PDB file of N, CA and C in Angstrom:
ATOM      1  N   MET A   1     166.878 129.793 -15.258  1.00  0.00           N
ATOM      2  CA  MET A   1     167.983 130.181 -14.060  1.00  0.00           C
ATOM      3  C   MET A   1     169.001 129.242 -14.222  1.00  0.00           C
ATOM      4  N   PHE A   2     170.577 129.801 -13.609  1.00  0.00           N
ATOM      5  CA  PHE A   2     171.497 129.078 -14.319  1.00  0.00           C
ATOM      6  C   PHE A   2     172.747 129.735 -13.196  1.00  0.00           C
ATOM      7  N   TYR A   3     174.029 128.940 -13.052  1.00  0.00           N
ATOM      8  CA  TYR A   3     175.044 129.461 -12.349  1.00  0.00           C
ATOM      9  C   TYR A   3     176.092 129.730 -12.921  1.00  0.00           C
ATOM     10  N   ARG A   4     176.877 130.476 -11.688  1.00  0.00           N
ATOM     11  CA  ARG A   4     178.544 131.100 -12.546  1.00  0.00           C
ATOM     12  C   ARG A   4     179.495 130.479 -11.592  1.00  0.00           C
ATOM     13  N   THR A   5     180.568 129.889 -11.485  1.00  0.00           N
ATOM     14  CA  THR A   5     181.173 129.296 -10.382  1.00  0.00           C
ATOM     15  C   THR A   5     181.882 130.999 -10.378  1.00  0.00           C
ATOM     16  N   ASP A   6     181.782 130.710  -8.872  1.00  0.00           N
ATOM     17  CA  ASP A   6     183.080 132.219  -8.651  1.00  0.00           C
ATOM     18  C   ASP A   6     184.806 131.518  -8.260  1.00  0.00           C
ATOM     19  N   THR A   7     185.470 132.111  -7.909  1.00  0.00           N
ATOM     20  CA  THR A   7     186.644 131.520  -7.448  1.00  0.00           C
ATOM     21  C   THR A   7     186.595 131.093  -6.544  1.00  0.00           C
ATOM     22  N   ALA A   8     185.657 130.925  -5.844  1.00  0.00           N
ATOM     23  CA  ALA A   8     186.060 129.873  -4.455  1.00  0.00           C
ATOM     24  C   ALA A   8     184.917 128.750  -4.613  1.00  0.00           C
ATOM     25  N   GLY A   9     184.911 128.544  -6.529  1.00  0.00           N
ATOM     26  CA  GLY A   9     184.178 127.226  -6.968  1.00  0.00           C
ATOM     27  C   GLY A   9     183.174 126.673  -6.099  1.00  0.00           C
ATOM     28  N   ASN A  10     181.974 127.817  -6.147  1.00  0.00           N
ATOM     29  CA  ASN A  10     180.916 127.141  -5.276  1.00  0.00           C
ATOM     30  C   ASN A  10     180.090 128.875  -6.901  1.00  0.00           C
ATOM     31  N   ALA A  11     178.298 128.420  -7.090  1.00  0.00           N
ATOM     32  CA  ALA A  11     177.852 128.256  -7.657  1.00  0.00           C
ATOM     33  C   ALA A  11     177.310 129.926  -7.144  1.00  0.00           C
ATOM     34  N   VAL A  12     177.143 131.046  -8.009  1.00  0.00           N
ATOM     35  CA  VAL A  12     176.536 132.470  -8.049  1.00  0.00           C
ATOM     36  C   VAL A  12     174.791 132.271  -9.021  1.00  0.00           C
ATOM     37  N   LEU A  13     173.994 132.183  -8.686  1.00  0.00           N
ATOM     38  CA  LEU A  13     173.065 132.048  -9.188  1.00  0.00           C
ATOM     39  C   LEU A  13     172.401 133.617  -9.774  1.00  0.00           C
ATOM     40  N   PHE A  14     172.282 132.905 -11.258  1.00  0.00           N
ATOM     41  CA  PHE A  14     171.639 134.392 -11.912  1.00  0.00           C
ATOM     42  C   PHE A  14     169.727 134.162 -12.817  1.00  0.00           C
ATOM     43  N   HIS A  15     169.444 134.274 -12.742  1.00  0.00           N
ATOM     44  CA  HIS A  15     168.086 134.683 -13.629  1.00  0.00           C
ATOM     45  C   HIS A  15     168.676 134.275 -14.875  1.00  0.00           C
ATOM     46  N   ASP A  16     167.615 134.409 -15.898  1.00  0.00           N
ATOM     47  CA  ASP A  16     167.894 134.298 -16.894  1.00  0.00           C
ATOM     48  C   ASP A  16     168.281 135.354 -17.613  1.00  0.00           C
ATOM     49  N   SER A  17     167.977 137.066 -17.055  1.00  0.00           N
ATOM     50  CA  SER A  17     167.597 138.445 -17.926  1.00  0.00           C
ATOM     51  C   SER A  17     169.255 138.045 -17.276  1.00  0.00           C
ATOM     52  N   GLY A  18     170.196 137.392 -16.444  1.00  0.00           N
ATOM     53  CA  GLY A  18     171.188 138.172 -16.245  1.00  0.00           C
ATOM     54  C   GLY A  18     171.529 138.726 -14.734  1.00  0.00           C
ATOM     55  N   GLU A  19     170.258 138.876 -13.640  1.00  0.00           N
ATOM     56  CA  GLU A  19     170.897 139.841 -12.867  1.00  0.00           C
ATOM     57  C   GLU A  19     170.632 138.368 -11.631  1.00  0.00           C
ATOM     58  N   VAL A  20     171.654 139.177 -10.323  1.00  0.00           N
ATOM     59  CA  VAL A  20     172.005 137.425  -9.208  1.00  0.00           C
ATOM     60  C   VAL A  20     170.573 137.287  -8.990  1.00  0.00           C
ATOM     61  N   VAL A  21     170.485 135.920  -8.620  1.00  0.00           N
ATOM     62  CA  VAL A  21     168.794 135.821  -8.174  1.00  0.00           C
ATOM     63  C   VAL A  21     169.355 135.783  -6.656  1.00  0.00           C
ATOM     64  N   THR A  22     168.013 136.547  -5.652  1.00  0.00           N
ATOM     65  CA  THR A  22     168.624 136.776  -4.167  1.00  0.00           C
ATOM     66  C   THR A  22     167.552 136.709  -2.996  1.00  0.00           C
ATOM     67  N   CYS A  23     166.323 135.521  -3.700  1.00  0.00           N
ATOM     68  CA  CYS A  23     165.741 134.791  -3.157  1.00  0.00           C
ATOM     69  C   CYS A  23     165.261 133.237  -3.964  1.00  0.00           C
ATOM     70  N   LEU A  24     165.072 132.253  -3.199  1.00  0.00           N
ATOM     71  CA  LEU A  24     164.164 131.194  -4.541  1.00  0.00           C
ATOM     72  C   LEU A  24     163.071 130.753  -3.204  1.00  0.00           C
ATOM     73  N   PRO A  25     162.277 130.024  -4.246  1.00  0.00           N
ATOM     74  CA  PRO A  25     161.006 129.787  -3.530  1.00  0.00           C
ATOM     75  C   PRO A  25     161.068 128.740  -1.975  1.00  0.00           C
ATOM     76  N   GLU A  26     159.816 128.734  -1.467  1.00  0.00           N
ATOM     77  CA  GLU A  26     160.074 128.087   0.062  1.00  0.00           C
ATOM     78  C   GLU A  26     159.960 126.814  -0.427  1.00  0.00           C
ATOM     79  N   GLU A  27     160.515 125.464  -1.180  1.00  0.00           N
ATOM     80  CA  GLU A  27     160.709 124.507  -1.383  1.00  0.00           C
ATOM     81  C   GLU A  27     161.857 124.204  -1.508  1.00  0.00           C
ATOM     82  N   TYR A  28     162.958 125.247  -1.750  1.00  0.00           N
ATOM     83  CA  TYR A  28     164.165 125.485  -1.410  1.00  0.00           C
ATOM     84  C   TYR A  28     164.831 125.447   0.079  1.00  0.00           C
ATOM     85  N   CYS A  29     163.836 126.299   1.037  1.00  0.00           N
ATOM     86  CA  CYS A  29     164.114 126.407   2.194  1.00  0.00           C
ATOM     87  C   CYS A  29     165.247 125.546   2.712  1.00  0.00           C
ATOM     88  N   ASN A  30     165.535 124.811   2.827  1.00  0.00           N
ATOM     89  CA  ASN A  30     166.428 123.272   2.904  1.00  0.00           C
ATOM     90  C   ASN A  30     167.680 123.402   3.010  1.00  0.00           C
ATOM     91  N   ILE A  31     168.042 124.778   1.189  1.00  0.00           N
ATOM     92  CA  ILE A  31     169.695 125.131   1.423  1.00  0.00           C
ATOM     93  C   ILE A  31     170.010 126.403   2.441  1.00  0.00           C
ATOM     94  N   TYR A  32     171.029 126.392   2.120  1.00  0.00           N
ATOM     95  CA  TYR A  32     171.040 127.737   2.474  1.00  0.00           C
ATOM     96  C   TYR A  32     172.665 127.617   2.193  1.00  0.00           C
ATOM     97  N   SER A  33     172.698 129.501   2.028  1.00  0.00           N
ATOM     98  CA  SER A  33     173.508 130.479   1.027  1.00  0.00           C
ATOM     99  C   SER A  33     175.346 130.217   1.773  1.00  0.00           C
ATOM    100  N   VAL A  34     175.714 129.877   1.135  1.00  0.00           N
ATOM    101  CA  VAL A  34     177.554 130.066   1.225  1.00  0.00           C
ATOM    102  C   VAL A  34     177.527 130.262   2.207  1.00  0.00           C
ATOM    103  N   ASP A  35     178.307 130.544   3.753  1.00  0.00           N
ATOM    104  CA  ASP A  35     178.553 131.437   4.497  1.00  0.00           C
ATOM    105  C   ASP A  35     177.977 132.335   5.072  1.00  0.00           C
ATOM    106  N   SER A  36     176.331 131.827   5.192  1.00  0.00           N
ATOM    107  CA  SER A  36     175.025 132.834   5.872  1.00  0.00           C
ATOM    108  C   SER A  36     174.934 131.751   6.960  1.00  0.00           C
ATOM    109  N   SER A  37     174.199 132.100   7.704  1.00  0.00           N
ATOM    110  CA  SER A  37     173.154 131.062   8.624  1.00  0.00           C
ATOM    111  C   SER A  37     171.689 131.601   8.193  1.00  0.00           C
ATOM    112  N   LEU A  38     171.419 131.972   7.343  1.00  0.00           N
ATOM    113  CA  LEU A  38     170.215 132.469   6.153  1.00  0.00           C
ATOM    114  C   LEU A  38     169.453 131.054   5.226  1.00  0.00           C
ATOM    115  N   SER A  39     168.090 130.713   5.116  1.00  0.00           N
ATOM    116  CA  SER A  39     168.573 129.677   3.708  1.00  0.00           C
ATOM    117  C   SER A  39     168.255 130.822   2.395  1.00  0.00           C
ATOM    118  N   VAL A  40     168.068 129.698   1.407  1.00  0.00           N
ATOM    119  CA  VAL A  40     168.077 130.725   0.130  1.00  0.00           C
ATOM    120  C   VAL A  40     166.503 131.273  -0.088  1.00  0.00           C
ATOM    121  N   CYS A  41     165.888 131.022   1.154  1.00  0.00           N
ATOM    122  CA  CYS A  41     164.166 131.396   1.050  1.00  0.00           C
ATOM    123  C   CYS A  41     164.074 132.957   1.451  1.00  0.00           C
ATOM    124  N   TYR A  42     165.210 133.167   2.293  1.00  0.00           N
ATOM    125  CA  TYR A  42     165.344 135.028   2.186  1.00  0.00           C
ATOM    126  C   TYR A  42     166.439 135.500   1.574  1.00  0.00           C
ATOM    127  N   GLU A  43     166.056 136.863   2.073  1.00  0.00           N
ATOM    128  CA  GLU A  43     166.464 137.860   0.816  1.00  0.00           C
ATOM    129  C   GLU A  43     167.971 137.920   1.217  1.00  0.00           C
ATOM    130  N   HIS A  44     168.831 137.971  -0.158  1.00  0.00           N
ATOM    131  CA  HIS A  44     170.431 138.321  -0.002  1.00  0.00           C
ATOM    132  C   HIS A  44     170.137 139.327  -0.975  1.00  0.00           C
ATOM    133  N   PRO A  45     170.229 140.293  -0.458  1.00  0.00           N
ATOM    134  CA  PRO A  45     170.744 141.863  -1.685  1.00  0.00           C
ATOM    135  C   PRO A  45     172.079 141.185  -2.387  1.00  0.00           C
ATOM    136  N   GLU A  46     172.767 140.519  -2.194  1.00  0.00           N
ATOM    137  CA  GLU A  46     173.958 140.493  -2.862  1.00  0.00           C
ATOM    138  C   GLU A  46     173.910 139.069  -3.408  1.00  0.00           C
ATOM    139  N   GLY A  47     172.731 138.414  -3.442  1.00  0.00           N
ATOM    140  CA  GLY A  47     172.724 137.347  -4.629  1.00  0.00           C
ATOM    141  C   GLY A  47     173.504 136.000  -3.805  1.00  0.00           C
ATOM    142  N   ILE A  48     172.419 135.077  -4.136  1.00  0.00           N
ATOM    143  CA  ILE A  48     172.877 133.902  -3.616  1.00  0.00           C
ATOM    144  C   ILE A  48     174.115 132.977  -4.091  1.00  0.00           C
ATOM    145  N   ILE A  49     174.790 132.467  -3.390  1.00  0.00           N
ATOM    146  CA  ILE A  49     175.792 131.391  -3.870  1.00  0.00           C
ATOM    147  C   ILE A  49     175.640 130.107  -3.169  1.00  0.00           C
ATOM    148  N   ILE A  50     175.805 129.225  -3.456  1.00  0.00           N
ATOM    149  CA  ILE A  50     175.855 128.290  -2.836  1.00  0.00           C
ATOM    150  C   ILE A  50     176.264 127.054  -3.102  1.00  0.00           C
ATOM    151  N   SER A  51     176.171 125.580  -3.018  1.00  0.00           N
ATOM    152  CA  SER A  51     177.570 124.729  -3.787  1.00  0.00           C
ATOM    153  C   SER A  51     176.882 123.801  -4.854  1.00  0.00           C
ATOM    154  N   ILE A  52     178.024 123.901  -5.330  1.00  0.00           N
ATOM    155  CA  ILE A  52     177.767 123.288  -7.137  1.00  0.00           C
ATOM    156  C   ILE A  52     176.978 122.231  -6.782  1.00  0.00           C
ATOM    157  N   LYS A  53     177.332 121.556  -5.495  1.00  0.00           N
ATOM    158  CA  LYS A  53     176.501 120.275  -5.543  1.00  0.00           C
ATOM    159  C   LYS A  53     175.233 120.271  -5.476  1.00  0.00           C
ATOM    160  N   ASP A  54     174.990 121.360  -4.144  1.00  0.00           N
ATOM    161  CA  ASP A  54     173.383 121.812  -4.286  1.00  0.00           C
ATOM    162  C   ASP A  54     172.431 122.390  -5.372  1.00  0.00           C
ATOM    163  N   ALA A  55     173.229 123.169  -6.377  1.00  0.00           N
ATOM    164  CA  ALA A  55     173.105 124.119  -7.397  1.00  0.00           C
ATOM    165  C   ALA A  55     172.679 122.608  -8.291  1.00  0.00           C
ATOM    166  N   LYS A  56     173.993 122.063  -8.692  1.00  0.00           N
ATOM    167  CA  LYS A  56     172.715 120.392  -9.483  1.00  0.00           C
ATOM    168  C   LYS A  56     171.953 119.815  -9.165  1.00  0.00           C
ATOM    169  N   ARG A  57     171.829 119.402  -7.498  1.00  0.00           N
ATOM    170  CA  ARG A  57     171.063 118.349  -6.641  1.00  0.00           C
ATOM    171  C   ARG A  57     169.248 119.594  -7.266  1.00  0.00           C
ATOM    172  N   ILE A  58     169.200 120.703  -7.606  1.00  0.00           N
ATOM    173  CA  ILE A  58     168.083 121.300  -8.096  1.00  0.00           C
ATOM    174  C   ILE A  58     167.960 121.555  -9.225  1.00  0.00           C
ATOM    175  N   GLY A  59     168.811 121.325  -9.607  1.00  0.00           N
ATOM    176  CA  GLY A  59     168.273 121.483 -10.879  1.00  0.00           C
ATOM    177  C   GLY A  59     169.090 122.579 -12.087  1.00  0.00           C
ATOM    178  N   ILE A  60     169.702 123.557 -11.521  1.00  0.00           N
ATOM    179  CA  ILE A  60     170.553 124.435 -12.192  1.00  0.00           C
ATOM    180  C   ILE A  60     171.209 124.489 -12.421  1.00  0.00           C
ATOM    181  N   PRO A  61     171.129 124.299 -14.492  1.00  0.00           N
ATOM    182  CA  PRO A  61     172.501 124.516 -15.044  1.00  0.00           C
ATOM    183  C   PRO A  61     173.929 125.195 -14.754  1.00  0.00           C
ATOM    184  N   ALA A  62     174.935 124.859 -15.526  1.00  0.00           N
ATOM    185  CA  ALA A  62     176.183 125.890 -15.612  1.00  0.00           C
ATOM    186  C   ALA A  62     175.755 126.704 -16.133  1.00  0.00           C
ATOM    187  N   GLU A  63     176.345 127.769 -16.702  1.00  0.00           N
ATOM    188  CA  GLU A  63     176.059 128.652 -17.347  1.00  0.00           C
ATOM    189  C   GLU A  63     175.979 128.243 -18.779  1.00  0.00           C
ATOM    190  N   ASP A  64     177.300 127.394 -19.072  1.00  0.00           N
ATOM    191  CA  ASP A  64     177.845 126.814 -20.254  1.00  0.00           C
ATOM    192  C   ASP A  64     176.994 125.454 -20.476  1.00  0.00           C
ATOM    193  N   ASP A  65     176.118 125.333 -19.680  1.00  0.00           N
ATOM    194  CA  ASP A  65     175.128 123.907 -20.011  1.00  0.00           C
ATOM    195  C   ASP A  65     173.572 124.699 -20.372  1.00  0.00           C
ATOM    196  N   TRP A  66     173.779 125.878 -20.390  1.00  0.00           N
ATOM    197  CA  TRP A  66     172.451 126.722 -19.826  1.00  0.00           C
ATOM    198  C   TRP A  66     171.762 126.714 -21.469  1.00  0.00           C
ATOM    199  N   THR A  67     170.801 127.056 -21.991  1.00  0.00           N
ATOM    200  CA  THR A  67     170.081 127.799 -22.681  1.00  0.00           C
ATOM    201  C   THR A  67     168.448 128.406 -22.560  1.00  0.00           C
ATOM    202  N   ASP A  68     168.534 129.806 -22.637  1.00  0.00           N
ATOM    203  CA  ASP A  68     167.288 130.124 -22.191  1.00  0.00           C
ATOM    204  C   ASP A  68     165.972 130.100 -22.995  1.00  0.00           C
TER     205      ASP A  68
END
């Protein structure tokens, strides 16, 4: 998994395959997708967008730093 920065400066999460991540495991339920009242453990069909700070905190690398 890795993230790409969107135009607002947030982290859009992607699977190694390049598809957007739509939910994360229960261990990340304390993180909320930007502009959503639902945690990332719930389905987000449009993809999960979190702060870069949260992405770094849980160990998700930026696309430029990612290797599969």
